[in-house]
Amino acid sequence: MRVKTQYLQEGCILSQDVFSLTNRPIMTKKTVLKSDLLEVLRAFLIVEVSVEKTLIDGRPFKPAEVIDEEAEAIAAETAFSTQYLNSVQSFKKLFRSWQAGTPVDTTKLREIVLPLLNKALEKPSDIFLLHHYSTKADYLFHHAVSVALLSGFIAKKLNYEKGDILQVAMGGCLCDCGMSKISPKILEKKTSLTFSEFDEIKKHPIHGLKMLQNSSFLKEGVKFAVFQHHERLDGSGYPSGKNGKKPHPFANIVAIADVYHAMTSERIYRKKHSPYKVLEMILHDDFGKFDLAALKALISGIANFSIGSRVKLSNGYTAEILFIETNAPTRPLVKIIETNEILHLEKNRELYIEEIIA
């Protein structure tokens, strides 16, 4: 919906790019508006913008005046984002109950995950925009729901049966449930963790397994995913490392989804990276640590939904993706919008895709 700038509030989410006097957007869609960004809009004399009907905390946005309704495609996208943001808030309540000592109720979790997963798999491109919604304050809850959807997507691409797709998604959602047994002072710390604090964090897979070990609804693979999602194929990782068994296939999927969403999201003490840069880092810097089939499934998802997309390059220019080669999916052929120049990012290694913007 289009709303006058004066009626905006913190937590609004842009549903379309915002332009001023140039061809480059001053803010891209999916940007979460904070006080400083609201000031920027006023400074650029932006009269009205398009925003989603739901605030970042899951509450409906009811401005004093709405100019007009968006097109059907925007409405459909907003419907998914609303369902997603509501699911994050529902998961947050569950997590708080685990912190208070309540046992994990897999039925309640299934009620959160299943409808959203079914909706996401109807239009999987929505899954690859979820990192935009993650906030520093609610990162843990966004992470759980996003990892569930990413894990379910990968499982489907790997031709898992429908029941196992849900189980893998449940494993993704529960992978950090053991964090509920970590001191809130550590979880909410706004500076880098000390070695001893990080050692406490590294115990969360063990806590998670203990929380789920008596659950009859969850397959053993889900429990392995929770326990092993930080284990790596080369024997690195935790909690078992080189002394552990080869990770379960469910764990391999959740491991990829977990690290991808973590690296593309804004966190309290880490900057986020673009999806393309993250995949490049995993492919090259972490080669041999992750299951290649699961990684290719994730990459194929991004590649399939990116042809024709507009992206922001690391030099600030906007470009359109023209072609993606299977052997270099993170470095496609692009056309610079401002100059009409054709660039092959594989041959221009100093540049990379900063963000998908449309």
Protein backbone atom coordinates (compact mmCIF):
# COMPACT_ATOMS: atom_id res chain seq x y z
CA MET A 1 0.00 0.00 0.00
CA ARG A 2 1.13 3.57 -0.69
CA VAL A 3 1.42 5.80 2.35
CA LYS A 4 2.44 9.41 2.82
CA THR A 5 5.85 9.72 4.43
CA GLN A 6 4.44 11.67 7.39
CA TYR A 7 2.36 8.65 8.42
CA LEU A 8 5.23 6.15 8.41
CA GLN A 9 6.64 4.69 11.62
CA GLU A 10 9.65 2.69 12.67
CA GLY A 11 9.31 -0.96 11.65
CA CYS A 12 7.60 -0.28 8.31
CA ILE A 13 8.93 -2.43 5.44
CA LEU A 14 9.31 -0.97 1.96
CA SER A 15 7.51 -3.02 -0.72
CA GLN A 16 9.03 -1.06 -3.63
CA ASP A 17 12.28 0.78 -4.30
CA VAL A 18 12.35 4.48 -3.42
CA PHE A 19 13.82 6.84 -6.04
CA SER A 20 14.71 10.50 -5.86
CA LEU A 21 16.30 12.42 -8.76
CA THR A 22 18.49 9.64 -10.17
CA ASN A 23 17.99 6.21 -11.69
CA ARG A 24 19.45 4.56 -8.62
CA PRO A 25 17.13 3.88 -5.70
CA ILE A 26 17.99 5.66 -2.46
CA MET A 27 16.37 2.72 -0.63
CA THR A 28 15.52 -0.74 -1.93
CA LYS A 29 12.42 -2.80 -1.30
CA LYS A 30 12.43 -4.95 1.85
CA THR A 31 14.31 -2.20 3.73
CA VAL A 32 13.10 -1.96 7.32
CA LEU A 33 12.60 1.70 8.17
CA LYS A 34 14.26 2.99 11.32
CA SER A 35 14.38 6.54 12.69
CA ASP A 36 17.49 7.50 10.70
CA LEU A 37 15.99 6.19 7.44
CA LEU A 38 12.75 8.08 8.07
CA GLU A 39 14.88 11.22 8.36
CA VAL A 40 16.56 10.37 5.04
CA LEU A 41 13.16 10.13 3.32
CA ARG A 42 12.22 13.55 4.69
CA ALA A 43 15.60 15.00 3.69
CA PHE A 44 15.07 13.81 0.10
CA LEU A 45 11.55 15.30 0.18
CA ILE A 46 9.94 11.92 -0.57
CA VAL A 47 6.19 12.48 -0.33
CA GLU A 48 4.94 8.89 -0.40
CA VAL A 49 6.26 5.33 -0.49
CA SER A 50 4.95 1.79 -0.86
CA VAL A 51 5.10 -0.33 2.30
CA GLU A 52 3.86 -3.72 3.41
CA LYS A 53 0.79 -4.11 5.56
CA THR A 54 2.75 -5.71 8.38
CA LEU A 55 5.44 -4.18 10.60
CA ILE A 56 8.70 -6.03 11.22
CA ASP A 57 7.44 -7.17 14.65
CA GLY A 58 4.42 -8.88 13.07
CA ARG A 59 1.84 -6.24 14.00
CA PRO A 60 -0.43 -4.87 11.25
CA PHE A 61 0.45 -1.39 10.03
CA LYS A 62 -2.58 0.92 10.12
CA PRO A 63 -1.56 4.37 8.89
CA ALA A 64 -3.86 7.34 9.29
CA GLU A 65 -4.12 7.64 5.53
CA VAL A 66 -3.62 5.13 2.71
CA ILE A 67 -3.25 6.56 -0.81
CA ASP A 68 -4.08 3.44 -2.80
CA GLU A 69 -3.73 -0.33 -2.80
CA GLU A 70 -0.83 -2.07 -4.56
CA ALA A 71 -1.17 -4.42 -7.50
CA GLU A 72 -2.23 -8.04 -7.04
CA ALA A 73 1.36 -9.29 -7.14
CA ILE A 74 2.36 -6.98 -4.29
CA ALA A 75 -0.68 -8.06 -2.31
CA ALA A 76 0.28 -11.72 -2.72
CA GLU A 77 3.85 -11.01 -1.65
CA THR A 78 2.61 -9.08 1.36
CA ALA A 79 0.36 -11.98 2.32
CA PHE A 80 3.40 -14.27 2.51
CA SER A 81 5.47 -11.71 4.42
CA THR A 82 2.62 -11.23 6.89
CA GLN A 83 2.36 -14.98 7.44
CA TYR A 84 6.14 -15.20 7.85
CA LEU A 85 6.37 -12.32 10.35
CA ASN A 86 3.46 -13.75 12.36
CA SER A 87 5.19 -17.14 12.40
CA VAL A 88 8.36 -15.51 13.75
CA GLN A 89 6.38 -13.97 16.61
CA SER A 90 4.66 -17.31 17.32
CA PHE A 91 8.05 -19.05 17.42
CA LYS A 92 9.35 -16.32 19.74
CA LYS A 93 6.60 -17.16 22.24
CA LEU A 94 7.50 -20.87 22.04
CA PHE A 95 11.18 -20.10 22.58
CA ARG A 96 10.38 -17.95 25.62
CA SER A 97 8.35 -20.83 27.04
CA TRP A 98 11.36 -23.16 26.57
CA GLN A 99 13.50 -20.64 28.44
CA ALA A 100 10.98 -20.86 31.28
CA GLY A 101 11.32 -24.66 31.35
CA THR A 102 8.31 -25.77 29.29
CA PRO A 103 8.98 -28.95 27.27
CA VAL A 104 9.07 -28.70 23.47
CA ASP A 105 5.59 -29.21 22.05
CA THR A 106 6.22 -30.46 18.51
CA THR A 107 2.52 -30.16 17.65
CA LYS A 108 2.60 -26.40 18.25
CA LEU A 109 5.81 -26.11 16.26
CA ARG A 110 4.28 -28.09 13.39
CA GLU A 111 1.34 -25.65 13.37
CA ILE A 112 3.84 -22.83 12.80
CA VAL A 113 6.07 -24.54 10.24
CA LEU A 114 3.71 -26.56 8.02
CA PRO A 115 1.36 -23.82 6.68
CA LEU A 116 4.26 -21.44 6.08
CA LEU A 117 6.35 -24.12 4.39
CA ASN A 118 3.48 -25.05 2.07
CA LYS A 119 3.00 -21.37 1.19
CA ALA A 120 6.74 -20.83 0.61
CA LEU A 121 7.12 -23.84 -1.65
CA GLU A 122 4.34 -22.50 -3.90
CA LYS A 123 6.61 -19.53 -4.71
CA PRO A 124 10.14 -20.44 -3.56
CA SER A 125 11.63 -17.10 -4.66
CA ASP A 126 10.11 -15.57 -1.51
CA ILE A 127 12.39 -17.78 0.59
CA PHE A 128 15.46 -16.01 -0.76
CA LEU A 129 14.27 -12.61 0.45
CA LEU A 130 13.79 -13.61 4.09
CA HIS A 131 17.19 -12.30 5.21
CA HIS A 132 15.87 -8.77 4.63
CA TYR A 133 13.44 -9.16 7.53
CA SER A 134 15.91 -10.40 10.12
CA THR A 135 16.62 -7.83 12.85
CA LYS A 136 19.41 -7.76 15.40
CA ALA A 137 16.97 -7.89 18.31
CA ASP A 138 14.91 -10.83 16.98
CA TYR A 139 17.62 -12.56 14.95
CA LEU A 140 17.31 -15.88 16.80
CA PHE A 141 13.61 -16.17 15.99
CA HIS A 142 13.88 -15.06 12.37
CA HIS A 143 16.78 -17.47 12.00
CA ALA A 144 14.76 -20.46 13.20
CA VAL A 145 11.83 -19.87 10.84
CA SER A 146 14.05 -18.97 7.88
CA VAL A 147 16.30 -22.00 8.34
CA ALA A 148 13.16 -24.16 8.44
CA LEU A 149 12.02 -22.83 5.06
CA LEU A 150 15.48 -22.99 3.48
CA SER A 151 15.95 -26.56 4.74
CA GLY A 152 12.56 -27.58 3.40
CA PHE A 153 13.38 -26.03 0.03
CA ILE A 154 16.71 -27.89 -0.19
CA ALA A 155 15.05 -31.18 0.80
CA LYS A 156 12.44 -30.72 -1.94
CA LYS A 157 15.15 -29.95 -4.52
CA LEU A 158 16.87 -33.18 -3.45
CA ASN A 159 13.61 -35.07 -4.14
CA TYR A 160 12.83 -36.00 -0.54
CA GLU A 161 9.36 -37.37 0.13
CA LYS A 162 6.76 -34.91 1.39
CA GLY A 163 6.84 -36.22 4.96
CA ASP A 164 10.64 -35.98 5.11
CA ILE A 165 10.57 -32.44 3.70
CA LEU A 166 8.50 -31.40 6.71
CA GLN A 167 10.79 -33.32 9.08
CA VAL A 168 13.88 -31.60 7.65
CA ALA A 169 12.13 -28.22 7.98
CA MET A 170 11.28 -29.03 11.60
CA GLY A 171 14.95 -29.86 12.16
CA GLY A 172 15.89 -26.48 10.72
CA CYS A 173 13.45 -24.68 12.98
CA LEU A 174 14.67 -26.57 16.05
CA CYS A 175 18.40 -26.46 15.29
CA ASP A 176 18.99 -23.70 17.84
CA CYS A 177 16.32 -24.70 20.36
CA GLY A 178 19.16 -25.49 22.79
CA MET A 179 19.95 -21.77 22.87
CA SER A 180 16.99 -21.50 25.26
CA LYS A 181 19.22 -23.13 27.89
CA ILE A 182 22.00 -20.56 27.42
CA SER A 183 22.09 -17.54 29.72
CA PRO A 184 20.08 -14.62 28.25
CA LYS A 185 23.01 -12.33 29.19
CA ILE A 186 25.13 -14.19 26.63
CA LEU A 187 22.38 -14.39 23.99
CA GLU A 188 21.60 -10.66 24.26
CA LYS A 189 25.19 -9.44 24.55
CA LYS A 190 25.84 -6.56 22.14
CA THR A 191 29.60 -7.00 21.89
CA SER A 192 31.81 -9.88 20.77
CA LEU A 193 31.70 -13.01 22.92
CA THR A 194 34.60 -14.03 25.15
CA PHE A 195 36.14 -17.48 24.66
CA SER A 196 34.29 -18.83 27.71
CA GLU A 197 30.98 -17.36 26.49
CA PHE A 198 31.48 -18.91 23.06
CA ASP A 199 32.20 -22.24 24.75
CA GLU A 200 28.78 -21.94 26.40
CA ILE A 201 27.15 -21.18 23.02
CA LYS A 202 28.81 -24.28 21.55
CA LYS A 203 26.88 -26.43 24.02
CA HIS A 204 23.51 -25.57 22.44
CA PRO A 205 23.41 -28.67 20.15
CA ILE A 206 23.82 -30.87 23.24
CA HIS A 207 21.07 -28.98 25.08
CA GLY A 208 18.87 -29.25 22.00
CA LEU A 209 19.30 -33.01 21.73
CA LYS A 210 18.38 -33.43 25.39
CA MET A 211 15.24 -31.35 24.85
CA LEU A 212 14.11 -33.52 21.93
CA GLN A 213 15.37 -37.00 22.76
CA ASN A 214 12.01 -38.22 24.10
CA SER A 215 9.91 -36.79 21.25
CA SER A 216 8.13 -39.56 19.34
CA PHE A 217 6.86 -37.27 16.57
CA LEU A 218 10.33 -36.33 15.34
CA LYS A 219 12.38 -38.76 13.25
CA GLU A 220 15.85 -39.65 14.46
CA GLY A 221 17.22 -37.63 11.53
CA VAL A 222 15.75 -34.46 13.03
CA LYS A 223 17.52 -35.10 16.33
CA PHE A 224 20.76 -35.71 14.44
CA ALA A 225 20.20 -32.43 12.56
CA VAL A 226 19.85 -30.53 15.84
CA PHE A 227 22.93 -32.21 17.33
CA GLN A 228 25.14 -32.15 14.22
CA HIS A 229 24.24 -28.96 12.31
CA HIS A 230 27.56 -27.37 13.33
CA GLU A 231 29.57 -30.48 12.39
CA ARG A 232 31.45 -30.36 9.09
CA LEU A 233 32.32 -33.10 6.60
CA ASP A 234 36.06 -32.48 7.02
CA GLY A 235 35.85 -33.29 10.76
CA SER A 236 35.81 -29.69 11.92
CA GLY A 237 32.95 -28.08 13.78
CA TYR A 238 31.32 -28.90 17.10
CA PRO A 239 30.30 -30.44 19.48
CA SER A 240 32.01 -33.71 18.41
CA GLY A 241 34.44 -32.54 15.71
CA LYS A 242 36.88 -35.17 14.46
CA ASN A 243 35.66 -37.61 17.12
CA GLY A 244 32.11 -37.60 15.79
CA LYS A 245 30.32 -39.70 13.20
CA LYS A 246 29.67 -38.53 9.64
CA PRO A 247 26.76 -36.06 9.79
CA HIS A 248 23.29 -37.36 8.98
CA PRO A 249 21.84 -36.23 5.59
CA PHE A 250 19.27 -34.10 7.46
CA ALA A 251 22.13 -32.42 9.33
CA ASN A 252 23.95 -31.69 6.07
CA ILE A 253 20.90 -29.83 4.75
CA VAL A 254 20.30 -27.86 7.93
CA ALA A 255 24.01 -26.98 8.16
CA ILE A 256 23.90 -25.26 4.75
CA ALA A 257 20.63 -23.44 5.50
CA ASP A 258 21.93 -22.39 8.93
CA VAL A 259 25.21 -20.85 7.75
CA TYR A 260 23.63 -19.25 4.66
CA HIS A 261 20.94 -17.43 6.63
CA ALA A 262 23.36 -16.47 9.41
CA MET A 263 25.82 -14.89 6.98
CA THR A 264 23.15 -13.02 4.98
CA SER A 265 21.48 -11.56 8.11
CA GLU A 266 22.29 -8.54 10.24
CA ARG A 267 23.45 -9.71 13.66
CA ILE A 268 24.42 -7.97 16.88
CA TYR A 269 28.17 -8.28 16.32
CA ARG A 270 28.47 -9.21 12.63
CA LYS A 271 27.65 -7.42 9.38
CA LYS A 272 25.53 -9.20 6.81
CA HIS A 273 26.81 -10.21 3.38
CA SER A 274 24.93 -10.50 0.09
CA PRO A 275 23.53 -13.96 -0.82
CA TYR A 276 25.87 -14.19 -3.80
CA LYS A 277 28.93 -13.30 -1.76
CA VAL A 278 27.97 -15.82 0.94
CA LEU A 279 27.58 -18.62 -1.60
CA GLU A 280 30.93 -17.68 -3.09
CA MET A 281 32.55 -17.82 0.35
CA ILE A 282 31.00 -21.23 1.07
CA LEU A 283 32.02 -22.57 -2.35
CA HIS A 284 35.63 -21.44 -2.11
CA ASP A 285 36.62 -20.70 1.49
CA ASP A 286 34.70 -23.59 3.02
CA PHE A 287 35.06 -26.13 0.20
CA GLY A 288 34.92 -29.69 1.55
CA LYS A 289 33.05 -28.74 4.71
CA PHE A 290 29.51 -28.96 3.36
CA ASP A 291 27.53 -31.54 1.42
CA LEU A 292 27.92 -30.61 -2.25
CA ALA A 293 24.48 -31.86 -3.32
CA ALA A 294 22.74 -29.77 -0.65
CA LEU A 295 24.85 -26.74 -1.53
CA LYS A 296 24.07 -27.10 -5.26
CA ALA A 297 20.36 -27.35 -4.42
CA LEU A 298 20.53 -24.04 -2.57
CA ILE A 299 22.54 -22.39 -5.35
CA SER A 300 20.16 -23.63 -8.04
CA GLY A 301 17.30 -21.99 -6.17
CA ILE A 302 18.95 -18.60 -6.23
CA ALA A 303 20.06 -19.01 -9.85
CA ASN A 304 16.60 -19.99 -11.09
CA PHE A 305 14.96 -16.99 -9.45
CA SER A 306 17.55 -14.45 -10.53
CA ILE A 307 17.39 -14.34 -14.34
CA GLY A 308 16.00 -10.91 -15.24
CA SER A 309 16.40 -9.66 -11.68
CA ARG A 310 17.89 -6.28 -10.93
CA VAL A 311 20.84 -6.31 -8.57
CA LYS A 312 23.10 -3.83 -6.84
CA LEU A 313 26.78 -4.35 -7.55
CA SER A 314 29.61 -3.72 -5.10
CA ASN A 315 30.55 -0.55 -7.01
CA GLY A 316 27.10 0.94 -6.41
CA TYR A 317 25.72 0.45 -9.92
CA THR A 318 22.43 -1.28 -10.70
CA ALA A 319 22.47 -4.19 -13.15
CA GLU A 320 20.14 -6.74 -14.70
CA ILE A 321 21.10 -10.42 -14.67
CA LEU A 322 21.15 -11.71 -18.25
CA PHE A 323 22.61 -15.20 -17.98
CA ILE A 324 23.89 -17.54 -15.28
CA GLU A 325 26.44 -20.23 -16.09
CA THR A 326 26.09 -23.48 -14.16
CA ASN A 327 29.83 -23.60 -13.39
CA ALA A 328 29.87 -20.02 -12.04
CA PRO A 329 26.38 -19.38 -10.61
CA THR A 330 27.50 -16.55 -8.31
CA ARG A 331 29.11 -14.58 -11.18
CA PRO A 332 26.52 -14.11 -13.92
CA LEU A 333 26.50 -12.03 -17.08
CA VAL A 334 24.90 -8.65 -16.28
CA LYS A 335 23.93 -5.42 -18.01
CA ILE A 336 24.65 -2.14 -16.19
CA ILE A 337 21.39 -0.19 -16.18
CA GLU A 338 23.04 3.24 -16.08
CA THR A 339 25.42 2.63 -19.01
CA ASN A 340 23.99 -0.42 -20.89
CA GLU A 341 27.45 -1.99 -20.56
CA ILE A 342 27.53 -5.81 -20.57
CA LEU A 343 29.79 -7.30 -17.89
CA HIS A 344 30.75 -10.88 -17.14
CA LEU A 345 31.40 -10.95 -13.40
CA GLU A 346 33.46 -14.11 -13.78
CA LYS A 347 36.00 -12.00 -15.67
CA ASN A 348 35.65 -8.99 -13.37
CA ARG A 349 36.57 -10.56 -10.05
CA GLU A 350 36.85 -7.21 -8.26
CA LEU A 351 33.06 -6.83 -8.53
CA TYR A 352 30.35 -8.92 -6.91
CA ILE A 353 26.59 -8.75 -6.46
CA GLU A 354 25.81 -6.84 -3.29
CA GLU A 355 22.05 -7.37 -3.25
CA ILE A 356 19.06 -8.52 -5.29
CA ILE A 357 16.76 -5.50 -5.44
CA ALA A 358 13.94 -6.49 -7.80
